[in-house]
Amino acid sequence: MELISQSPEQARQPSPASESSVVVVAPSLGPVLPAAALGLLRSADEVLADPVLSARIRAQLDAAVAPSVTELLDRAAATRVVLITDDAASAHSDALRSAGASLVGVVEPPGARLLDAVAVMDRLRSPGGCPWDAEQTHLSLRQYLVEEAYELLEALEDEDRPALREELGDVLLQVLFHARIAAEHTEEPFDVDVVAAELVAKLRGRHPHVFAGGDDSVVDAASQQGRWEELKQVEKQRESSIDGVALGQPAVALAAKLAQRTARAGLPADLLPAGEKLGEQLFRLAALARRDGADPEDALRAAARGFATRVRAAEISARESGADALRLTESDWRNHWPDTSSR
């Protein structure tokens, strides 16, 4: 019997499309492939890039662009094809999967959407982006940082979960905005990665009981707070107990913070301001409240919000009675003021 030798191409049997695969990458992670795709790539006859895949990722993967859907299916019927895409519902990936191809997707880590936010901020600030965003500076954005912080505080106080989610995003936007502007500085540039890296280093350094094999001095939340301040003092090489206190914060909060810091440093309470001037009396009241464990800023805000609620209630009551809520007399105010005696 005569033996007929075959070439490798002739010997290889056509593989069905079920032996082909669709590998989905995450745009936020770039050309990062899932671990499960490595074996598929090694055994593939062809590795192709979905036409919808960004040119940047396609170039980094060094993959040829897939042909038309019809030709792709023809190839998959005869060879093992791996299609790399960032859209599992694209025409090419959907057709290949319908023909029996397996699907392998990358698992994005927590925080992957932060990469999307950084990319959007970069796009807005870059040439061809938003003219208003491109004109902003650190100084021009100050008012928005303060406003967004207070709107977040209001959402927290109202226990408004949808508003909390939105306002956290608005505060995050301010961080991304300032970091993007900082990256453009000609002499001392830094970007959001530097900001994040310094934060990570700080958190690790301030939590040796978690990241450095334990710290016997930390046994509860109170001891951790004290240890935090000790480590910060050494880290910052501060010369005063009140170094690092933001003097631009609201006055009541500032007085409370100064009282807290000086109390830790052993300052006697009788050395707190005790004059007859209004500012001194307010400072002492706030400082003593903080030394007693209360938060005077929160207490005053609660009182102010309660007052605002009563004002609105009185105006609504007056309006319902036919009065002009914007032109109330003292008698009108008293008649419509809500009864708080039962509270």
Protein backbone atom coordinates (compact mmCIF):
# COMPACT_ATOMS: atom_id res chain seq x y z
CA MET A 1 0.00 0.00 0.00
CA GLU A 2 1.36 3.35 -0.94
CA LEU A 3 1.52 5.88 1.85
CA ILE A 4 0.70 9.44 0.93
CA SER A 5 2.22 12.09 3.14
CA GLN A 6 0.21 15.23 3.91
CA SER A 7 1.30 18.73 4.64
CA PRO A 8 0.38 20.18 8.03
CA GLU A 9 -2.24 22.34 6.31
CA GLN A 10 -3.82 19.26 4.73
CA ALA A 11 -3.62 17.21 7.89
CA ARG A 12 -5.31 19.81 10.05
CA GLN A 13 -9.03 19.26 10.20
CA PRO A 14 -11.26 22.33 10.00
CA SER A 15 -12.25 23.42 13.47
CA PRO A 16 -15.81 24.53 14.05
CA ALA A 17 -16.63 28.06 15.16
CA SER A 18 -17.25 26.67 18.63
CA GLU A 19 -13.47 26.46 18.99
CA SER A 20 -13.16 30.17 18.32
CA SER A 21 -13.46 32.77 21.05
CA VAL A 22 -14.43 36.36 21.72
CA VAL A 23 -12.20 38.10 24.26
CA VAL A 24 -13.63 41.27 25.76
CA VAL A 25 -11.25 43.89 27.16
CA ALA A 26 -12.21 46.91 29.27
CA PRO A 27 -11.60 50.32 27.64
CA SER A 28 -10.58 51.70 31.04
CA LEU A 29 -7.83 49.08 31.41
CA GLY A 30 -6.49 49.34 27.87
CA PRO A 31 -4.90 46.18 26.37
CA VAL A 32 -5.15 44.20 29.61
CA LEU A 33 -6.30 40.69 28.72
CA PRO A 34 -8.07 38.28 31.08
CA ALA A 35 -5.89 35.43 32.34
CA ALA A 36 -8.32 32.90 30.88
CA ALA A 37 -7.56 34.27 27.40
CA LEU A 38 -3.85 33.41 27.44
CA GLY A 39 -4.34 29.75 26.51
CA LEU A 40 -6.80 30.71 23.80
CA LEU A 41 -4.34 33.14 22.26
CA ARG A 42 -1.57 30.54 22.23
CA SER A 43 -3.70 27.96 20.44
CA ALA A 44 -5.39 30.37 18.05
CA ASP A 45 -4.72 30.29 14.32
CA GLU A 46 -5.66 33.95 14.04
CA VAL A 47 -5.97 36.78 16.53
CA LEU A 48 -8.09 39.61 15.16
CA ALA A 49 -9.23 42.96 16.47
CA ASP A 50 -12.87 43.92 16.25
CA PRO A 51 -13.26 47.01 14.00
CA VAL A 52 -14.99 48.78 16.91
CA LEU A 53 -11.90 48.36 19.10
CA SER A 54 -10.07 51.65 19.61
CA ALA A 55 -7.02 52.21 17.43
CA ARG A 56 -4.90 52.76 20.54
CA ILE A 57 -5.72 49.39 22.07
CA ARG A 58 -5.53 47.69 18.68
CA ALA A 59 -2.01 49.04 18.12
CA GLN A 60 -0.89 47.97 21.60
CA LEU A 61 -2.18 44.45 20.97
CA ASP A 62 -0.60 44.39 17.50
CA ALA A 63 -3.67 42.63 16.11
CA ALA A 64 -4.97 42.86 12.55
CA VAL A 65 -8.45 44.25 12.01
CA ALA A 66 -11.08 41.58 11.48
CA PRO A 67 -12.61 41.35 7.98
CA SER A 68 -16.33 41.59 7.28
CA VAL A 69 -18.70 39.56 9.40
CA THR A 70 -19.29 37.09 6.58
CA GLU A 71 -15.59 36.47 6.00
CA LEU A 72 -14.95 36.26 9.73
CA LEU A 73 -17.52 33.45 10.02
CA ASP A 74 -15.95 31.67 7.05
CA ARG A 75 -12.55 31.79 8.72
CA ALA A 76 -13.97 30.65 12.04
CA ALA A 77 -15.51 27.64 10.31
CA ALA A 78 -12.04 26.48 9.21
CA THR A 79 -9.65 27.81 11.85
CA ARG A 80 -9.49 28.79 15.48
CA VAL A 81 -10.13 32.54 15.61
CA VAL A 82 -9.82 34.80 18.63
CA LEU A 83 -11.61 38.13 18.25
CA ILE A 84 -10.58 40.85 20.69
CA THR A 85 -13.19 43.52 21.31
CA ASP A 86 -14.32 46.01 23.91
CA ASP A 87 -17.97 45.54 22.98
CA ALA A 88 -19.47 42.08 23.44
CA ALA A 89 -22.56 43.23 21.54
CA SER A 90 -20.79 44.46 18.41
CA ALA A 91 -21.78 42.99 15.04
CA HIS A 92 -18.60 40.92 14.77
CA SER A 93 -18.60 39.55 18.32
CA ASP A 94 -22.35 38.90 18.28
CA ALA A 95 -22.10 36.95 14.99
CA LEU A 96 -19.15 34.89 16.21
CA ARG A 97 -20.86 34.08 19.49
CA SER A 98 -24.07 33.12 17.66
CA ALA A 99 -21.98 30.64 15.68
CA GLY A 100 -20.88 28.99 18.92
CA ALA A 101 -17.74 30.90 19.93
CA SER A 102 -16.99 31.12 23.64
CA LEU A 103 -16.88 34.44 25.49
CA VAL A 104 -14.10 35.46 27.86
CA GLY A 105 -14.23 38.82 29.58
CA VAL A 106 -11.83 40.74 31.75
CA VAL A 107 -12.90 41.29 35.34
CA GLU A 108 -12.54 44.97 36.17
CA PRO A 109 -11.22 45.75 39.65
CA PRO A 110 -13.11 48.05 42.03
CA GLY A 111 -12.45 51.63 40.98
CA ALA A 112 -12.26 50.93 37.25
CA ARG A 113 -14.82 53.65 36.58
CA LEU A 114 -12.41 56.12 38.16
CA LEU A 115 -10.15 55.54 35.16
CA ASP A 116 -13.07 56.47 32.92
CA ALA A 117 -13.58 59.66 34.93
CA VAL A 118 -9.90 60.57 34.55
CA ALA A 119 -10.12 59.98 30.79
CA VAL A 120 -13.22 62.17 30.48
CA MET A 121 -11.58 64.97 32.47
CA ASP A 122 -8.51 64.72 30.25
CA ARG A 123 -10.70 64.94 27.13
CA LEU A 124 -12.56 67.99 28.42
CA ARG A 125 -9.33 69.80 29.24
CA SER A 126 -7.45 68.87 26.03
CA PRO A 127 -7.52 70.75 22.69
CA GLY A 128 -10.88 70.20 21.03
CA GLY A 129 -12.55 69.69 24.40
CA CYS A 130 -14.68 72.14 26.38
CA PRO A 131 -13.65 75.83 26.12
CA TRP A 132 -14.95 76.59 29.63
CA ASP A 133 -13.07 73.69 31.20
CA ALA A 134 -9.90 74.69 29.35
CA GLU A 135 -10.01 78.22 30.81
CA GLN A 136 -10.30 77.21 34.47
CA THR A 137 -7.48 77.58 36.98
CA HIS A 138 -6.97 76.41 40.55
CA LEU A 139 -8.13 79.81 41.76
CA SER A 140 -11.19 80.05 39.51
CA LEU A 141 -12.42 76.69 40.79
CA ARG A 142 -12.24 77.60 44.48
CA GLN A 143 -15.89 78.60 44.77
CA TYR A 144 -17.08 75.34 43.23
CA LEU A 145 -15.00 73.25 45.63
CA VAL A 146 -16.62 75.01 48.60
CA GLU A 147 -20.12 74.83 47.11
CA GLU A 148 -19.87 71.14 46.26
CA ALA A 149 -18.52 70.31 49.72
CA TYR A 150 -21.48 72.04 51.37
CA GLU A 151 -23.96 70.39 49.01
CA LEU A 152 -22.45 67.04 49.96
CA LEU A 153 -22.76 67.95 53.64
CA GLU A 154 -26.43 68.82 53.12
CA ALA A 155 -27.09 65.48 51.41
CA LEU A 156 -25.46 63.71 54.37
CA GLU A 157 -27.56 65.62 56.88
CA ASP A 158 -30.76 64.95 54.91
CA GLU A 159 -29.84 61.25 54.56
CA ASP A 160 -30.71 61.65 50.88
CA ARG A 161 -29.04 58.66 49.20
CA PRO A 162 -29.54 59.73 45.54
CA ALA A 163 -28.27 63.23 46.35
CA LEU A 164 -25.35 61.74 48.30
CA ARG A 165 -24.33 59.68 45.28
CA GLU A 166 -24.51 62.72 43.00
CA GLU A 167 -22.71 65.10 45.35
CA LEU A 168 -19.87 62.63 45.96
CA GLY A 169 -19.39 62.64 42.19
CA ASP A 170 -19.33 66.43 42.12
CA VAL A 171 -16.67 66.53 44.84
CA LEU A 172 -14.68 63.89 42.94
CA LEU A 173 -14.91 66.08 39.85
CA GLN A 174 -13.17 68.88 41.74
CA VAL A 175 -10.31 66.54 42.68
CA LEU A 176 -9.93 65.33 39.09
CA PHE A 177 -10.15 68.89 37.74
CA HIS A 178 -7.44 70.24 40.03
CA ALA A 179 -5.19 67.25 39.39
CA ARG A 180 -5.57 67.72 35.63
CA ILE A 181 -4.69 71.41 35.88
CA ALA A 182 -1.71 70.55 38.10
CA ALA A 183 -0.40 68.21 35.40
CA GLU A 184 -0.05 71.22 33.08
CA HIS A 185 2.15 73.22 35.46
CA THR A 186 5.43 74.11 33.76
CA GLU A 187 7.71 73.97 36.81
CA GLU A 188 6.15 71.54 39.32
CA PRO A 189 3.69 69.32 37.47
CA PHE A 190 1.94 66.39 39.12
CA ASP A 191 -1.05 64.34 38.06
CA VAL A 192 -3.86 62.34 39.60
CA ASP A 193 -1.61 59.27 39.90
CA VAL A 194 0.81 61.23 42.08
CA VAL A 195 -2.10 62.44 44.21
CA ALA A 196 -3.37 58.88 44.62
CA ALA A 197 0.12 57.50 45.33
CA GLU A 198 0.71 60.05 48.10
CA LEU A 199 -2.68 59.21 49.58
CA VAL A 200 -1.88 55.49 49.58
CA ALA A 201 1.50 56.15 51.21
CA LYS A 202 -0.15 58.31 53.85
CA LEU A 203 -2.84 55.75 54.66
CA ARG A 204 -0.30 52.97 54.92
CA GLY A 205 2.02 55.07 57.06
CA ARG A 206 -0.77 56.17 59.40
CA HIS A 207 -2.05 52.60 59.88
CA PRO A 208 1.00 50.55 60.90
CA HIS A 209 -1.29 48.26 62.91
CA VAL A 210 -2.87 47.23 59.60
CA PHE A 211 -0.05 47.36 57.05
CA ALA A 212 3.17 46.97 59.03
CA GLY A 213 2.69 43.82 61.04
CA GLY A 214 0.80 45.24 63.98
CA ASP A 215 0.95 48.03 66.55
CA ASP A 216 0.15 47.09 70.15
CA SER A 217 -0.68 50.71 71.02
CA VAL A 218 -3.81 50.63 68.85
CA VAL A 219 -6.63 48.72 70.52
CA ASP A 220 -9.72 50.76 69.61
CA ALA A 221 -10.90 53.79 67.62
CA ALA A 222 -9.81 56.28 70.29
CA SER A 223 -6.26 54.93 70.50
CA GLN A 224 -6.07 54.89 66.71
CA GLN A 225 -7.02 58.56 66.57
CA GLY A 226 -4.31 59.40 69.07
CA ARG A 227 -1.76 57.31 67.21
CA TRP A 228 -2.78 59.02 63.95
CA GLU A 229 -2.01 62.43 65.43
CA GLU A 230 1.35 61.21 66.79
CA LEU A 231 2.40 59.81 63.43
CA LYS A 232 1.21 62.95 61.65
CA GLN A 233 3.23 65.12 64.04
CA VAL A 234 6.39 63.16 63.23
CA GLU A 235 5.62 62.95 59.52
CA LYS A 236 4.93 66.67 59.12
CA GLN A 237 7.74 67.70 61.49
CA ARG A 238 5.42 70.26 63.03
CA GLU A 239 6.70 72.81 65.50
CA SER A 240 3.31 73.78 66.94
CA SER A 241 0.26 71.90 68.14
CA ILE A 242 -1.86 73.99 65.76
CA ASP A 243 0.31 73.61 62.67
CA GLY A 244 -1.82 72.33 59.81
CA VAL A 245 -5.12 73.75 61.09
CA ALA A 246 -6.87 75.29 58.07
CA LEU A 247 -7.50 78.88 59.10
CA GLY A 248 -9.86 79.40 56.16
CA GLN A 249 -12.55 77.03 57.45
CA PRO A 250 -15.83 78.32 58.94
CA ALA A 251 -15.25 80.23 62.18
CA VAL A 252 -17.13 77.87 64.51
CA ALA A 253 -15.35 74.84 63.05
CA LEU A 254 -12.03 76.70 63.29
CA ALA A 255 -12.58 77.52 66.95
CA ALA A 256 -13.51 73.89 67.65
CA LYS A 257 -10.43 72.57 65.85
CA LEU A 258 -8.09 74.92 67.68
CA ALA A 259 -9.69 73.92 70.98
CA GLN A 260 -9.27 70.23 70.15
CA ARG A 261 -5.62 70.59 69.17
CA THR A 262 -4.68 72.72 72.17
CA ALA A 263 -6.54 70.43 74.58
CA ARG A 264 -4.41 67.53 73.32
CA ALA A 265 -1.35 69.68 73.92
CA GLY A 266 -2.44 70.25 77.55
CA LEU A 267 -3.54 73.89 77.28
CA PRO A 268 -5.62 74.80 80.39
CA ALA A 269 -9.22 75.79 79.65
CA ASP A 270 -8.84 79.03 81.60
CA LEU A 271 -6.44 80.28 78.88
CA LEU A 272 -9.18 80.20 76.26
CA PRO A 273 -10.48 83.66 75.24
CA ALA A 274 -12.73 85.00 77.98
CA GLY A 275 -13.21 88.67 77.05
CA GLU A 276 -16.43 90.62 76.63
CA LYS A 277 -16.17 90.99 72.86
CA LEU A 278 -18.70 88.99 70.88
CA GLY A 279 -16.03 87.09 68.96
CA GLU A 280 -14.28 86.04 72.16
CA GLN A 281 -17.53 84.86 73.74
CA LEU A 282 -18.46 82.86 70.63
CA PHE A 283 -14.98 81.35 70.47
CA ARG A 284 -15.07 80.28 74.11
CA LEU A 285 -18.53 78.75 73.76
CA ALA A 286 -17.45 76.75 70.69
CA ALA A 287 -14.12 75.77 72.25
CA LEU A 288 -15.66 74.54 75.50
CA ALA A 289 -18.29 72.57 73.58
CA ARG A 290 -15.56 70.82 71.60
CA ARG A 291 -13.56 70.07 74.74
CA ASP A 292 -16.70 68.45 76.16
CA GLY A 293 -16.91 66.17 73.14
CA ALA A 294 -19.61 68.02 71.18
CA ASP A 295 -19.25 69.36 67.65
CA PRO A 296 -20.34 73.02 67.79
CA GLU A 297 -20.35 73.34 64.00
CA ASP A 298 -22.83 70.47 63.67
CA ALA A 299 -24.89 71.75 66.58
CA LEU A 300 -25.12 75.24 65.12
CA ARG A 301 -25.94 73.90 61.66
CA ALA A 302 -28.70 71.73 63.14
CA ALA A 303 -30.16 74.75 64.94
CA ALA A 304 -29.92 76.85 61.77
CA ARG A 305 -31.59 74.18 59.63
CA GLY A 306 -34.33 73.76 62.24
CA PHE A 307 -34.90 77.52 62.23
CA ALA A 308 -35.07 77.53 58.41
CA THR A 309 -37.66 74.74 58.53
CA ARG A 310 -39.82 76.73 60.95
CA VAL A 311 -39.54 79.87 58.80
CA ARG A 312 -40.79 77.97 55.76
CA ALA A 313 -43.59 76.37 57.78
CA ALA A 314 -44.78 79.79 59.00
CA GLU A 315 -44.69 81.20 55.45
CA ILE A 316 -46.68 78.24 54.11
CA SER A 317 -49.24 78.64 56.89
CA ALA A 318 -49.56 82.36 56.17
CA ARG A 319 -49.90 81.77 52.44
CA GLU A 320 -52.64 79.18 53.00
CA SER A 321 -54.54 81.72 55.09
CA GLY A 322 -54.46 84.20 52.20
CA ALA A 323 -51.64 86.42 53.46
CA ASP A 324 -48.66 87.56 51.41
CA ALA A 325 -45.88 85.35 52.77
CA LEU A 326 -43.26 87.90 51.70
CA ARG A 327 -44.89 90.80 53.60
CA LEU A 328 -45.61 89.39 57.02
CA THR A 329 -45.87 91.61 60.08
CA GLU A 330 -44.50 90.66 63.49
CA SER A 331 -48.02 89.66 64.48
CA ASP A 332 -48.34 87.47 61.36
CA TRP A 333 -45.09 85.73 62.15
CA ARG A 334 -46.19 84.99 65.70
CA ASN A 335 -49.62 83.74 64.62
CA HIS A 336 -48.22 81.34 62.05
CA TRP A 337 -45.08 80.25 63.87
CA PRO A 338 -45.14 76.46 64.34
CA ASP A 339 -45.64 75.12 67.84
CA THR A 340 -42.40 73.52 69.03
CA SER A 341 -43.38 73.00 72.67
CA SER A 342 -44.00 69.27 72.13
CA ARG A 343 -40.58 68.72 70.55
